[in-house]
Amino acid sequence: MEEALYYTPMFREFAGLEMGEDHLPDESTILRFRHLLEARPPSTPH
């Protein structure tokens, strides 16, 4: 996924990131975020 952010402009645009930025997330950051999402149940509309 980290490589996709560097090489695929569409992924950077979706994530709201610019190529010149020094703080593109690394693979471990993306993985920790994914685990947080998986641990939380999806919200339901009221």
N, C-alpha and C. Protein backbone atom coordinates (compact mmCIF):
# COMPACT_ATOMS: atom_id res chain seq x y z
N MET A 1 0.82 -1.19 0.00
CA MET A 1 0.00 0.00 0.00
C MET A 1 0.87 1.25 0.00
N GLU A 2 1.95 1.21 0.78
CA GLU A 2 2.84 2.37 0.82
C GLU A 2 3.38 2.69 -0.57
N GLU A 3 3.77 1.67 -1.31
CA GLU A 3 4.28 1.89 -2.66
C GLU A 3 3.21 2.48 -3.56
N ALA A 4 1.96 2.06 -3.38
CA ALA A 4 0.87 2.59 -4.20
C ALA A 4 0.70 4.09 -3.98
N LEU A 5 0.94 4.56 -2.75
CA LEU A 5 0.83 5.99 -2.49
C LEU A 5 1.93 6.77 -3.21
N TYR A 6 3.08 6.15 -3.37
CA TYR A 6 4.18 6.82 -4.08
C TYR A 6 4.00 6.78 -5.59
N TYR A 7 3.48 5.68 -6.12
CA TYR A 7 3.48 5.48 -7.56
C TYR A 7 2.13 5.68 -8.25
N THR A 8 1.05 5.78 -7.49
CA THR A 8 -0.28 5.90 -8.10
C THR A 8 -0.93 7.22 -7.68
N PRO A 9 -0.95 8.19 -8.59
CA PRO A 9 -1.53 9.50 -8.25
C PRO A 9 -2.97 9.41 -7.74
N MET A 10 -3.75 8.50 -8.27
CA MET A 10 -5.15 8.37 -7.85
C MET A 10 -5.24 8.01 -6.37
N PHE A 11 -4.37 7.15 -5.87
CA PHE A 11 -4.39 6.78 -4.45
C PHE A 11 -4.01 7.98 -3.58
N ARG A 12 -3.00 8.75 -4.00
CA ARG A 12 -2.62 9.94 -3.23
C ARG A 12 -3.75 10.95 -3.20
N GLU A 13 -4.41 11.13 -4.33
CA GLU A 13 -5.53 12.07 -4.39
C GLU A 13 -6.65 11.61 -3.46
N PHE A 14 -6.97 10.32 -3.49
CA PHE A 14 -8.01 9.77 -2.62
C PHE A 14 -7.67 9.99 -1.15
N ALA A 15 -6.40 9.80 -0.81
CA ALA A 15 -5.96 9.94 0.59
C ALA A 15 -5.72 11.39 0.97
N GLY A 16 -5.80 12.30 0.00
CA GLY A 16 -5.58 13.71 0.28
C GLY A 16 -4.12 14.05 0.52
N LEU A 17 -3.21 13.34 -0.12
CA LEU A 17 -1.78 13.54 0.06
C LEU A 17 -1.15 14.07 -1.21
N GLU A 18 -0.08 14.84 -1.05
CA GLU A 18 0.67 15.36 -2.19
C GLU A 18 1.99 14.62 -2.28
N MET A 19 2.49 14.40 -3.50
CA MET A 19 3.73 13.65 -3.69
C MET A 19 4.92 14.34 -3.04
N GLY A 20 4.98 15.65 -3.03
CA GLY A 20 6.12 16.35 -2.47
C GLY A 20 6.17 16.34 -0.95
N GLU A 21 5.13 15.87 -0.33
CA GLU A 21 5.10 15.86 1.14
C GLU A 21 6.06 14.82 1.67
N ASP A 22 6.74 15.17 2.74
CA ASP A 22 7.69 14.25 3.36
C ASP A 22 7.01 13.26 4.30
N HIS A 23 5.76 13.48 4.60
CA HIS A 23 5.10 12.65 5.61
C HIS A 23 4.06 11.71 5.03
N LEU A 24 4.37 11.08 3.91
CA LEU A 24 3.49 10.01 3.43
C LEU A 24 3.58 8.86 4.43
N PRO A 25 2.47 8.25 4.78
CA PRO A 25 2.51 7.18 5.79
C PRO A 25 3.29 5.98 5.30
N ASP A 26 4.02 5.36 6.23
CA ASP A 26 4.75 4.15 5.88
C ASP A 26 3.85 2.93 6.07
N GLU A 27 4.34 1.79 5.71
CA GLU A 27 3.52 0.58 5.72
C GLU A 27 3.02 0.23 7.12
N SER A 28 3.86 0.42 8.14
CA SER A 28 3.43 0.08 9.50
C SER A 28 2.31 1.01 9.99
N THR A 29 2.35 2.27 9.60
CA THR A 29 1.29 3.20 9.97
C THR A 29 -0.02 2.80 9.32
N ILE A 30 0.04 2.46 8.04
CA ILE A 30 -1.16 2.02 7.33
C ILE A 30 -1.72 0.76 7.96
N LEU A 31 -0.85 -0.17 8.33
CA LEU A 31 -1.30 -1.43 8.94
C LEU A 31 -1.94 -1.19 10.30
N ARG A 32 -1.34 -0.32 11.12
CA ARG A 32 -1.95 -0.02 12.43
C ARG A 32 -3.33 0.61 12.26
N PHE A 33 -3.47 1.50 11.28
CA PHE A 33 -4.77 2.12 11.02
C PHE A 33 -5.78 1.06 10.58
N ARG A 34 -5.36 0.15 9.74
CA ARG A 34 -6.25 -0.92 9.28
C ARG A 34 -6.72 -1.77 10.46
N HIS A 35 -5.81 -2.10 11.36
CA HIS A 35 -6.19 -2.91 12.52
C HIS A 35 -7.17 -2.16 13.42
N LEU A 36 -7.00 -0.86 13.55
CA LEU A 36 -7.96 -0.07 14.33
C LEU A 36 -9.35 -0.12 13.69
N LEU A 37 -9.40 0.00 12.37
CA LEU A 37 -10.69 -0.07 11.69
C LEU A 37 -11.33 -1.44 11.83
N GLU A 38 -10.53 -2.49 11.76
CA GLU A 38 -11.07 -3.84 11.87
C GLU A 38 -11.57 -4.13 13.29
N ALA A 39 -10.99 -3.49 14.28
CA ALA A 39 -11.38 -3.75 15.68
C ALA A 39 -12.69 -3.06 16.05
N ARG A 40 -13.07 -2.02 15.31
CA ARG A 40 -14.29 -1.29 15.62
C ARG A 40 -15.43 -1.79 14.73
N PRO A 41 -16.57 -2.04 15.32
CA PRO A 41 -17.72 -2.42 14.50
C PRO A 41 -18.18 -1.23 13.66
N PRO A 42 -18.73 -1.48 12.50
CA PRO A 42 -19.21 -0.37 11.67
C PRO A 42 -20.36 0.36 12.37
N SER A 43 -20.44 1.65 12.18
CA SER A 43 -21.52 2.40 12.80
C SER A 43 -22.79 2.20 12.00
N THR A 44 -23.90 2.28 12.68
CA THR A 44 -25.19 2.11 12.01
C THR A 44 -25.91 3.45 12.02
N PRO A 45 -26.61 3.76 10.96
CA PRO A 45 -27.37 5.03 10.93
C PRO A 45 -28.54 4.98 11.89
N HIS A 46 -28.88 6.11 12.45
CA HIS A 46 -29.98 6.18 13.43
C HIS A 46 -31.25 6.58 12.77
